[in-house]
Amino acid sequence: MRDLKGTDFQKMVWIEIKKIPKGKTITYKELAIKMGKPKAYRAVANACAKKPLLGRMPCHRVIRCDGKMGGYLGKKGIERKKRLLQSEGVKLKSNN
């Protein structure tokens, strides 16, 4: 992680994202709380959007607190995020 370009906060977010197990999701807010920064959920979402290594950083496992997908910058964006989660066995709400 030291070699990645980003702020210390972004690097903290990226480290936590890599800990999310396959087939599990966490909300931006839960991730902020886990990091000891409960009000920083928007900053967490921002860090997710700026992450490097698109295919190697499981940011698709981070979702909004209302259960919706949130954003995803990869090719085909939100549809790709849905497919990635479904391929890991995550059950999505019908409104996603």
PDB file of N, CA and C in Angstrom:
ATOM      1  N   MET A   1       0.811  -1.199   0.000  1.00  0.00           N
ATOM      2  CA  MET A   1       0.000   0.000   0.000  1.00  0.00           C
ATOM      3  C   MET A   1       0.853   1.261   0.000  1.00  0.00           C
ATOM      4  N   ARG A   2       2.066   1.172   0.483  1.00  0.00           N
ATOM      5  CA  ARG A   2       2.917   2.364   0.536  1.00  0.00           C
ATOM      6  C   ARG A   2       3.182   2.927  -0.843  1.00  0.00           C
ATOM      7  N   ASP A   3       3.244   2.068  -1.847  1.00  0.00           N
ATOM      8  CA  ASP A   3       3.577   2.506  -3.198  1.00  0.00           C
ATOM      9  C   ASP A   3       2.398   3.148  -3.917  1.00  0.00           C
ATOM     10  N   LEU A   4       1.196   2.977  -3.396  1.00  0.00           N
ATOM     11  CA  LEU A   4       0.022   3.550  -4.032  1.00  0.00           C
ATOM     12  C   LEU A   4      -0.037   5.040  -3.765  1.00  0.00           C
ATOM     13  N   LYS A   5      -0.504   5.767  -4.764  1.00  0.00           N
ATOM     14  CA  LYS A   5      -0.624   7.207  -4.603  1.00  0.00           C
ATOM     15  C   LYS A   5      -1.998   7.540  -4.074  1.00  0.00           C
ATOM     16  N   GLY A   6      -2.012   8.243  -2.961  1.00  0.00           N
ATOM     17  CA  GLY A   6      -3.251   8.657  -2.325  1.00  0.00           C
ATOM     18  C   GLY A   6      -2.932   9.257  -0.974  1.00  0.00           C
ATOM     19  N   THR A   7      -3.926   9.851  -0.366  1.00  0.00           N
ATOM     20  CA  THR A   7      -3.736  10.415   0.963  1.00  0.00           C
ATOM     21  C   THR A   7      -3.660   9.287   1.986  1.00  0.00           C
ATOM     22  N   ASP A   8      -3.221   9.629   3.179  1.00  0.00           N
ATOM     23  CA  ASP A   8      -3.181   8.617   4.245  1.00  0.00           C
ATOM     24  C   ASP A   8      -4.583   8.064   4.503  1.00  0.00           C
ATOM     25  N   PHE A   9      -5.595   8.934   4.479  1.00  0.00           N
ATOM     26  CA  PHE A   9      -6.968   8.494   4.701  1.00  0.00           C
ATOM     27  C   PHE A   9      -7.398   7.522   3.599  1.00  0.00           C
ATOM     28  N   GLN A  10      -7.130   7.864   2.346  1.00  0.00           N
ATOM     29  CA  GLN A  10      -7.500   6.979   1.240  1.00  0.00           C
ATOM     30  C   GLN A  10      -6.830   5.626   1.399  1.00  0.00           C
ATOM     31  N   LYS A  11      -5.576   5.614   1.760  1.00  0.00           N
ATOM     32  CA  LYS A  11      -4.862   4.355   1.948  1.00  0.00           C
ATOM     33  C   LYS A  11      -5.477   3.528   3.074  1.00  0.00           C
ATOM     34  N   MET A  12      -5.922   4.209   4.146  1.00  0.00           N
ATOM     35  CA  MET A  12      -6.604   3.496   5.244  1.00  0.00           C
ATOM     36  C   MET A  12      -7.878   2.837   4.732  1.00  0.00           C
ATOM     37  N   VAL A  13      -8.631   3.561   3.915  1.00  0.00           N
ATOM     38  CA  VAL A  13      -9.866   3.017   3.341  1.00  0.00           C
ATOM     39  C   VAL A  13      -9.538   1.810   2.475  1.00  0.00           C
ATOM     40  N   TRP A  14      -8.566   1.937   1.618  1.00  0.00           N
ATOM     41  CA  TRP A  14      -8.208   0.851   0.707  1.00  0.00           C
ATOM     42  C   TRP A  14      -7.751  -0.394   1.461  1.00  0.00           C
ATOM     43  N   ILE A  15      -7.032  -0.191   2.551  1.00  0.00           N
ATOM     44  CA  ILE A  15      -6.601  -1.334   3.376  1.00  0.00           C
ATOM     45  C   ILE A  15      -7.825  -2.048   3.950  1.00  0.00           C
ATOM     46  N   GLU A  16      -8.784  -1.287   4.459  1.00  0.00           N
ATOM     47  CA  GLU A  16      -9.999  -1.880   5.023  1.00  0.00           C
ATOM     48  C   GLU A  16     -10.836  -2.584   3.953  1.00  0.00           C
ATOM     49  N   ILE A  17     -10.900  -2.005   2.763  1.00  0.00           N
ATOM     50  CA  ILE A  17     -11.660  -2.617   1.675  1.00  0.00           C
ATOM     51  C   ILE A  17     -11.100  -3.996   1.344  1.00  0.00           C
ATOM     52  N   LYS A  18      -9.793  -4.115   1.343  1.00  0.00           N
ATOM     53  CA  LYS A  18      -9.169  -5.399   1.008  1.00  0.00           C
ATOM     54  C   LYS A  18      -9.487  -6.489   2.036  1.00  0.00           C
ATOM     55  N   LYS A  19      -9.955  -6.093   3.224  1.00  0.00           N
ATOM     56  CA  LYS A  19     -10.288  -7.049   4.282  1.00  0.00           C
ATOM     57  C   LYS A  19     -11.716  -7.588   4.160  1.00  0.00           C
ATOM     58  N   ILE A  20     -12.540  -6.993   3.304  1.00  0.00           N
ATOM     59  CA  ILE A  20     -13.929  -7.432   3.180  1.00  0.00           C
ATOM     60  C   ILE A  20     -13.944  -8.786   2.474  1.00  0.00           C
ATOM     61  N   PRO A  21     -14.484  -9.806   3.119  1.00  0.00           N
ATOM     62  CA  PRO A  21     -14.480 -11.145   2.513  1.00  0.00           C
ATOM     63  C   PRO A  21     -15.366 -11.231   1.265  1.00  0.00           C
ATOM     64  N   LYS A  22     -14.979 -12.113   0.394  1.00  0.00           N
ATOM     65  CA  LYS A  22     -15.771 -12.382  -0.802  1.00  0.00           C
ATOM     66  C   LYS A  22     -17.170 -12.821  -0.384  1.00  0.00           C
ATOM     67  N   GLY A  23     -18.186 -12.270  -1.050  1.00  0.00           N
ATOM     68  CA  GLY A  23     -19.560 -12.625  -0.749  1.00  0.00           C
ATOM     69  C   GLY A  23     -20.185 -11.796   0.359  1.00  0.00           C
ATOM     70  N   LYS A  24     -19.440 -10.849   0.900  1.00  0.00           N
ATOM     71  CA  LYS A  24     -19.938  -9.980   1.968  1.00  0.00           C
ATOM     72  C   LYS A  24     -19.943  -8.534   1.471  1.00  0.00           C
ATOM     73  N   THR A  25     -20.804  -7.734   2.080  1.00  0.00           N
ATOM     74  CA  THR A  25     -20.817  -6.299   1.782  1.00  0.00           C
ATOM     75  C   THR A  25     -20.751  -5.523   3.089  1.00  0.00           C
ATOM     76  N   ILE A  26     -20.383  -4.275   2.982  1.00  0.00           N
ATOM     77  CA  ILE A  26     -20.331  -3.353   4.102  1.00  0.00           C
ATOM     78  C   ILE A  26     -20.769  -1.997   3.550  1.00  0.00           C
ATOM     79  N   THR A  27     -21.387  -1.184   4.378  1.00  0.00           N
ATOM     80  CA  THR A  27     -21.796   0.138   3.901  1.00  0.00           C
ATOM     81  C   THR A  27     -20.633   1.116   4.066  1.00  0.00           C
ATOM     82  N   TYR A  28     -20.736   2.220   3.331  1.00  0.00           N
ATOM     83  CA  TYR A  28     -19.734   3.272   3.461  1.00  0.00           C
ATOM     84  C   TYR A  28     -19.673   3.739   4.919  1.00  0.00           C
ATOM     85  N   LYS A  29     -20.838   3.865   5.549  1.00  0.00           N
ATOM     86  CA  LYS A  29     -20.896   4.323   6.940  1.00  0.00           C
ATOM     87  C   LYS A  29     -20.279   3.290   7.886  1.00  0.00           C
ATOM     88  N   GLU A  30     -20.595   2.012   7.690  1.00  0.00           N
ATOM     89  CA  GLU A  30     -20.005   0.969   8.539  1.00  0.00           C
ATOM     90  C   GLU A  30     -18.484   0.963   8.413  1.00  0.00           C
ATOM     91  N   LEU A  31     -18.001   1.184   7.212  1.00  0.00           N
ATOM     92  CA  LEU A  31     -16.562   1.220   6.991  1.00  0.00           C
ATOM     93  C   LEU A  31     -15.945   2.421   7.704  1.00  0.00           C
ATOM     94  N   ALA A  32     -16.616   3.567   7.650  1.00  0.00           N
ATOM     95  CA  ALA A  32     -16.128   4.759   8.348  1.00  0.00           C
ATOM     96  C   ALA A  32     -16.089   4.515   9.857  1.00  0.00           C
ATOM     97  N   ILE A  33     -17.131   3.892  10.388  1.00  0.00           N
ATOM     98  CA  ILE A  33     -17.178   3.579  11.819  1.00  0.00           C
ATOM     99  C   ILE A  33     -16.053   2.616  12.189  1.00  0.00           C
ATOM    100  N   LYS A  34     -15.853   1.619  11.361  1.00  0.00           N
ATOM    101  CA  LYS A  34     -14.793   0.628  11.592  1.00  0.00           C
ATOM    102  C   LYS A  34     -13.419   1.296  11.655  1.00  0.00           C
ATOM    103  N   MET A  35     -13.264   2.354  10.888  1.00  0.00           N
ATOM    104  CA  MET A  35     -12.000   3.080  10.845  1.00  0.00           C
ATOM    105  C   MET A  35     -11.882   4.102  11.976  1.00  0.00           C
ATOM    106  N   GLY A  36     -12.935   4.218  12.809  1.00  0.00           N
ATOM    107  CA  GLY A  36     -12.904   5.180  13.900  1.00  0.00           C
ATOM    108  C   GLY A  36     -13.242   6.595  13.474  1.00  0.00           C
ATOM    109  N   LYS A  37     -13.863   6.729  12.298  1.00  0.00           N
ATOM    110  CA  LYS A  37     -14.228   8.039  11.758  1.00  0.00           C
ATOM    111  C   LYS A  37     -15.694   8.001  11.329  1.00  0.00           C
ATOM    112  N   PRO A  38     -16.620   7.888  12.292  1.00  0.00           N
ATOM    113  CA  PRO A  38     -18.032   7.642  11.975  1.00  0.00           C
ATOM    114  C   PRO A  38     -18.720   8.687  11.091  1.00  0.00           C
ATOM    115  N   LYS A  39     -18.219   9.892  11.062  1.00  0.00           N
ATOM    116  CA  LYS A  39     -18.852  10.926  10.239  1.00  0.00           C
ATOM    117  C   LYS A  39     -18.210  11.044   8.855  1.00  0.00           C
ATOM    118  N   ALA A  40     -17.232  10.219   8.580  1.00  0.00           N
ATOM    119  CA  ALA A  40     -16.472  10.339   7.339  1.00  0.00           C
ATOM    120  C   ALA A  40     -16.969   9.404   6.226  1.00  0.00           C
ATOM    121  N   TYR A  41     -18.241   9.017   6.271  1.00  0.00           N
ATOM    122  CA  TYR A  41     -18.720   8.054   5.272  1.00  0.00           C
ATOM    123  C   TYR A  41     -18.680   8.609   3.849  1.00  0.00           C
ATOM    124  N   ARG A  42     -18.878   9.892   3.676  1.00  0.00           N
ATOM    125  CA  ARG A  42     -18.770  10.462   2.321  1.00  0.00           C
ATOM    126  C   ARG A  42     -17.322  10.457   1.851  1.00  0.00           C
ATOM    127  N   ALA A  43     -16.409  10.706   2.774  1.00  0.00           N
ATOM    128  CA  ALA A  43     -14.992  10.645   2.428  1.00  0.00           C
ATOM    129  C   ALA A  43     -14.593   9.207   2.077  1.00  0.00           C
ATOM    130  N   VAL A  44     -15.197   8.239   2.746  1.00  0.00           N
ATOM    131  CA  VAL A  44     -14.951   6.823   2.431  1.00  0.00           C
ATOM    132  C   VAL A  44     -15.422   6.548   1.008  1.00  0.00           C
ATOM    133  N   ALA A  45     -16.620   7.006   0.672  1.00  0.00           N
ATOM    134  CA  ALA A  45     -17.147   6.811  -0.686  1.00  0.00           C
ATOM    135  C   ALA A  45     -16.236   7.471  -1.715  1.00  0.00           C
ATOM    136  N   ASN A  46     -15.734   8.640  -1.382  1.00  0.00           N
ATOM    137  CA  ASN A  46     -14.825   9.352  -2.271  1.00  0.00           C
ATOM    138  C   ASN A  46     -13.532   8.567  -2.468  1.00  0.00           C
ATOM    139  N   ALA A  47     -13.013   8.011  -1.397  1.00  0.00           N
ATOM    140  CA  ALA A  47     -11.787   7.207  -1.478  1.00  0.00           C
ATOM    141  C   ALA A  47     -12.019   5.959  -2.328  1.00  0.00           C
ATOM    142  N   CYS A  48     -13.202   5.375  -2.209  1.00  0.00           N
ATOM    143  CA  CYS A  48     -13.533   4.208  -3.037  1.00  0.00           C
ATOM    144  C   CYS A  48     -13.488   4.591  -4.515  1.00  0.00           C
ATOM    145  N   ALA A  49     -13.997   5.758  -4.821  1.00  0.00           N
ATOM    146  CA  ALA A  49     -14.037   6.212  -6.210  1.00  0.00           C
ATOM    147  C   ALA A  49     -12.650   6.505  -6.764  1.00  0.00           C
ATOM    148  N   LYS A  50     -11.692   6.776  -5.905  1.00  0.00           N
ATOM    149  CA  LYS A  50     -10.347   7.136  -6.347  1.00  0.00           C
ATOM    150  C   LYS A  50      -9.341   5.999  -6.210  1.00  0.00           C
ATOM    151  N   LYS A  51      -9.837   4.824  -5.883  1.00  0.00           N
ATOM    152  CA  LYS A  51      -8.914   3.730  -5.636  1.00  0.00           C
ATOM    153  C   LYS A  51      -8.182   3.290  -6.899  1.00  0.00           C
ATOM    154  N   PRO A  52      -6.965   2.821  -6.702  1.00  0.00           N
ATOM    155  CA  PRO A  52      -6.203   2.260  -7.818  1.00  0.00           C
ATOM    156  C   PRO A  52      -6.539   0.772  -7.969  1.00  0.00           C
ATOM    157  N   LEU A  53      -5.951   0.135  -8.915  1.00  0.00           N
ATOM    158  CA  LEU A  53      -6.066  -1.321  -9.063  1.00  0.00           C
ATOM    159  C   LEU A  53      -7.511  -1.793  -9.107  1.00  0.00           C
ATOM    160  N   LEU A  54      -8.250  -1.311 -10.066  1.00  0.00           N
ATOM    161  CA  LEU A  54      -9.673  -1.580 -10.157  1.00  0.00           C
ATOM    162  C   LEU A  54     -10.008  -3.058  -9.979  1.00  0.00           C
ATOM    163  N   GLY A  55      -9.323  -3.926 -10.666  1.00  0.00           N
ATOM    164  CA  GLY A  55      -9.644  -5.347 -10.581  1.00  0.00           C
ATOM    165  C   GLY A  55      -9.172  -6.031  -9.315  1.00  0.00           C
ATOM    166  N   ARG A  56      -8.278  -5.392  -8.568  1.00  0.00           N
ATOM    167  CA  ARG A  56      -7.699  -6.038  -7.390  1.00  0.00           C
ATOM    168  C   ARG A  56      -8.185  -5.449  -6.075  1.00  0.00           C
ATOM    169  N   MET A  57      -8.984  -4.419  -6.148  1.00  0.00           N
ATOM    170  CA  MET A  57      -9.507  -3.765  -4.952  1.00  0.00           C
ATOM    171  C   MET A  57     -11.011  -4.020  -4.921  1.00  0.00           C
ATOM    172  N   PRO A  58     -11.507  -4.815  -3.992  1.00  0.00           N
ATOM    173  CA  PRO A  58     -12.923  -5.207  -4.004  1.00  0.00           C
ATOM    174  C   PRO A  58     -13.881  -4.111  -3.520  1.00  0.00           C
ATOM    175  N   CYS A  59     -13.769  -2.937  -4.116  1.00  0.00           N
ATOM    176  CA  CYS A  59     -14.622  -1.822  -3.708  1.00  0.00           C
ATOM    177  C   CYS A  59     -16.091  -2.076  -4.051  1.00  0.00           C
ATOM    178  N   HIS A  60     -16.341  -3.041  -4.925  1.00  0.00           N
ATOM    179  CA  HIS A  60     -17.732  -3.362  -5.254  1.00  0.00           C
ATOM    180  C   HIS A  60     -18.479  -3.905  -4.037  1.00  0.00           C
ATOM    181  N   ARG A  61     -17.763  -4.304  -3.006  1.00  0.00           N
ATOM    182  CA  ARG A  61     -18.377  -4.843  -1.794  1.00  0.00           C
ATOM    183  C   ARG A  61     -18.834  -3.749  -0.820  1.00  0.00           C
ATOM    184  N   VAL A  62     -18.595  -2.490  -1.178  1.00  0.00           N
ATOM    185  CA  VAL A  62     -19.018  -1.374  -0.334  1.00  0.00           C
ATOM    186  C   VAL A  62     -20.261  -0.756  -0.976  1.00  0.00           C
ATOM    187  N   ILE A  63     -21.345  -0.687  -0.191  1.00  0.00           N
ATOM    188  CA  ILE A  63     -22.629  -0.213  -0.711  1.00  0.00           C
ATOM    189  C   ILE A  63     -23.196   0.897   0.172  1.00  0.00           C
ATOM    190  N   ARG A  64     -24.275   1.494  -0.283  1.00  0.00           N
ATOM    191  CA  ARG A  64     -24.941   2.546   0.486  1.00  0.00           C
ATOM    192  C   ARG A  64     -25.684   1.951   1.677  1.00  0.00           C
ATOM    193  N   CYS A  65     -25.960   2.774   2.673  1.00  0.00           N
ATOM    194  CA  CYS A  65     -26.639   2.266   3.878  1.00  0.00           C
ATOM    195  C   CYS A  65     -28.100   1.910   3.621  1.00  0.00           C
ATOM    196  N   ASP A  66     -28.676   2.379   2.510  1.00  0.00           N
ATOM    197  CA  ASP A  66     -30.055   1.996   2.186  1.00  0.00           C
ATOM    198  C   ASP A  66     -30.110   0.701   1.385  1.00  0.00           C
ATOM    199  N   GLY A  67     -28.943   0.060   1.215  1.00  0.00           N
ATOM    200  CA  GLY A  67     -28.882  -1.207   0.504  1.00  0.00           C
ATOM    201  C   GLY A  67     -28.694  -1.079  -0.994  1.00  0.00           C
ATOM    202  N   LYS A  68     -28.725   0.146  -1.507  1.00  0.00           N
ATOM    203  CA  LYS A  68     -28.509   0.354  -2.943  1.00  0.00           C
ATOM    204  C   LYS A  68     -27.020   0.321  -3.239  1.00  0.00           C
ATOM    205  N   MET A  69     -26.701   0.190  -4.500  1.00  0.00           N
ATOM    206  CA  MET A  69     -25.328  -0.011  -4.925  1.00  0.00           C
ATOM    207  C   MET A  69     -24.392   1.147  -4.624  1.00  0.00           C
ATOM    208  N   GLY A  70     -24.838   2.358  -4.812  1.00  0.00           N
ATOM    209  CA  GLY A  70     -23.904   3.480  -4.774  1.00  0.00           C
ATOM    210  C   GLY A  70     -23.263   3.573  -6.141  1.00  0.00           C
ATOM    211  N   GLY A  71     -22.104   4.121  -6.223  1.00  0.00           N
ATOM    212  CA  GLY A  71     -21.442   4.273  -7.518  1.00  0.00           C
ATOM    213  C   GLY A  71     -20.419   3.186  -7.776  1.00  0.00           C
ATOM    214  N   TYR A  72     -19.943   3.175  -9.007  1.00  0.00           N
ATOM    215  CA  TYR A  72     -18.869   2.264  -9.391  1.00  0.00           C
ATOM    216  C   TYR A  72     -18.265   2.794 -10.673  1.00  0.00           C
ATOM    217  N   LEU A  73     -16.963   3.007 -10.670  1.00  0.00           N
ATOM    218  CA  LEU A  73     -16.313   3.653 -11.804  1.00  0.00           C
ATOM    219  C   LEU A  73     -15.822   2.717 -12.888  1.00  0.00           C
ATOM    220  N   GLY A  74     -15.856   1.453 -12.642  1.00  0.00           N
ATOM    221  CA  GLY A  74     -15.344   0.515 -13.630  1.00  0.00           C
ATOM    222  C   GLY A  74     -16.141   0.548 -14.925  1.00  0.00           C
ATOM    223  N   LYS A  75     -15.654  -0.188 -15.892  1.00  0.00           N
ATOM    224  CA  LYS A  75     -16.342  -0.273 -17.177  1.00  0.00           C
ATOM    225  C   LYS A  75     -17.775  -0.761 -16.961  1.00  0.00           C
ATOM    226  N   LYS A  76     -18.733  -0.072 -17.530  1.00  0.00           N
ATOM    227  CA  LYS A  76     -20.166  -0.334 -17.393  1.00  0.00           C
ATOM    228  C   LYS A  76     -20.671  -0.110 -15.967  1.00  0.00           C
ATOM    229  N   GLY A  77     -19.877   0.560 -15.150  1.00  0.00           N
ATOM    230  CA  GLY A  77     -20.267   1.041 -13.844  1.00  0.00           C
ATOM    231  C   GLY A  77     -21.120   0.136 -12.992  1.00  0.00           C
ATOM    232  N   ILE A  78     -22.304   0.607 -12.668  1.00  0.00           N
ATOM    233  CA  ILE A  78     -23.168  -0.039 -11.692  1.00  0.00           C
ATOM    234  C   ILE A  78     -23.573  -1.451 -12.107  1.00  0.00           C
ATOM    235  N   GLU A  79     -23.739  -1.681 -13.389  1.00  0.00           N
ATOM    236  CA  GLU A  79     -24.083  -3.033 -13.860  1.00  0.00           C
ATOM    237  C   GLU A  79     -22.954  -4.014 -13.560  1.00  0.00           C
ATOM    238  N   ARG A  80     -21.728  -3.551 -13.717  1.00  0.00           N
ATOM    239  CA  ARG A  80     -20.579  -4.409 -13.413  1.00  0.00           C
ATOM    240  C   ARG A  80     -20.531  -4.704 -11.919  1.00  0.00           C
ATOM    241  N   LYS A  81     -20.804  -3.685 -11.097  1.00  0.00           N
ATOM    242  CA  LYS A  81     -20.811  -3.879  -9.649  1.00  0.00           C
ATOM    243  C   LYS A  81     -21.847  -4.932  -9.262  1.00  0.00           C
ATOM    244  N   LYS A  82     -23.031  -4.845  -9.847  1.00  0.00           N
ATOM    245  CA  LYS A  82     -24.088  -5.827  -9.579  1.00  0.00           C
ATOM    246  C   LYS A  82     -23.634  -7.228  -9.967  1.00  0.00           C
ATOM    247  N   ARG A  83     -23.064  -7.353 -11.147  1.00  0.00           N
ATOM    248  CA  ARG A  83     -22.609  -8.673 -11.607  1.00  0.00           C
ATOM    249  C   ARG A  83     -21.526  -9.245 -10.697  1.00  0.00           C
ATOM    250  N   LEU A  84     -20.600  -8.391 -10.272  1.00  0.00           N
ATOM    251  CA  LEU A  84     -19.531  -8.857  -9.380  1.00  0.00           C
ATOM    252  C   LEU A  84     -20.110  -9.377  -8.066  1.00  0.00           C
ATOM    253  N   LEU A  85     -21.043  -8.617  -7.494  1.00  0.00           N
ATOM    254  CA  LEU A  85     -21.652  -9.045  -6.234  1.00  0.00           C
ATOM    255  C   LEU A  85     -22.456 -10.331  -6.418  1.00  0.00           C
ATOM    256  N   GLN A  86     -23.230 -10.412  -7.484  1.00  0.00           N
ATOM    257  CA  GLN A  86     -24.018 -11.612  -7.742  1.00  0.00           C
ATOM    258  C   GLN A  86     -23.117 -12.820  -7.959  1.00  0.00           C
ATOM    259  N   SER A  87     -21.982 -12.621  -8.617  1.00  0.00           N
ATOM    260  CA  SER A  87     -21.062 -13.734  -8.851  1.00  0.00           C
ATOM    261  C   SER A  87     -20.446 -14.243  -7.548  1.00  0.00           C
ATOM    262  N   GLU A  88     -20.461 -13.395  -6.519  1.00  0.00           N
ATOM    263  CA  GLU A  88     -19.948 -13.790  -5.204  1.00  0.00           C
ATOM    264  C   GLU A  88     -21.056 -14.337  -4.310  1.00  0.00           C
ATOM    265  N   GLY A  89     -22.283 -14.396  -4.835  1.00  0.00           N
ATOM    266  CA  GLY A  89     -23.392 -14.950  -4.077  1.00  0.00           C
ATOM    267  C   GLY A  89     -24.138 -13.954  -3.204  1.00  0.00           C
ATOM    268  N   VAL A  90     -23.883 -12.672  -3.400  1.00  0.00           N
ATOM    269  CA  VAL A  90     -24.580 -11.645  -2.616  1.00  0.00           C
ATOM    270  C   VAL A  90     -25.990 -11.501  -3.157  1.00  0.00           C
ATOM    271  N   LYS A  91     -26.971 -11.555  -2.272  1.00  0.00           N
ATOM    272  CA  LYS A  91     -28.375 -11.360  -2.647  1.00  0.00           C
ATOM    273  C   LYS A  91     -28.667  -9.864  -2.661  1.00  0.00           C
ATOM    274  N   LEU A  92     -29.072  -9.365  -3.793  1.00  0.00           N
ATOM    275  CA  LEU A  92     -29.348  -7.944  -3.931  1.00  0.00           C
ATOM    276  C   LEU A  92     -30.829  -7.661  -3.748  1.00  0.00           C
ATOM    277  N   LYS A  93     -31.117  -6.478  -3.211  1.00  0.00           N
ATOM    278  CA  LYS A  93     -32.501  -6.046  -3.093  1.00  0.00           C
ATOM    279  C   LYS A  93     -33.050  -5.797  -4.495  1.00  0.00           C
ATOM    280  N   SER A  94     -34.333  -5.959  -4.666  1.00  0.00           N
ATOM    281  CA  SER A  94     -34.936  -5.812  -5.991  1.00  0.00           C
ATOM    282  C   SER A  94     -34.886  -4.383  -6.509  1.00  0.00           C
ATOM    283  N   ASN A  95     -34.656  -3.391  -5.652  1.00  0.00           N
ATOM    284  CA  ASN A  95     -34.624  -2.006  -6.099  1.00  0.00           C
ATOM    285  C   ASN A  95     -33.246  -1.560  -6.570  1.00  0.00           C
ATOM    286  N   ASN A  96     -32.303  -2.474  -6.667  1.00  0.00           N
ATOM    287  CA  ASN A  96     -30.954  -2.131  -7.116  1.00  0.00           C
ATOM    288  C   ASN A  96     -30.824  -2.229  -8.604  1.00  0.00           C
TER     289      ASN A  96
END
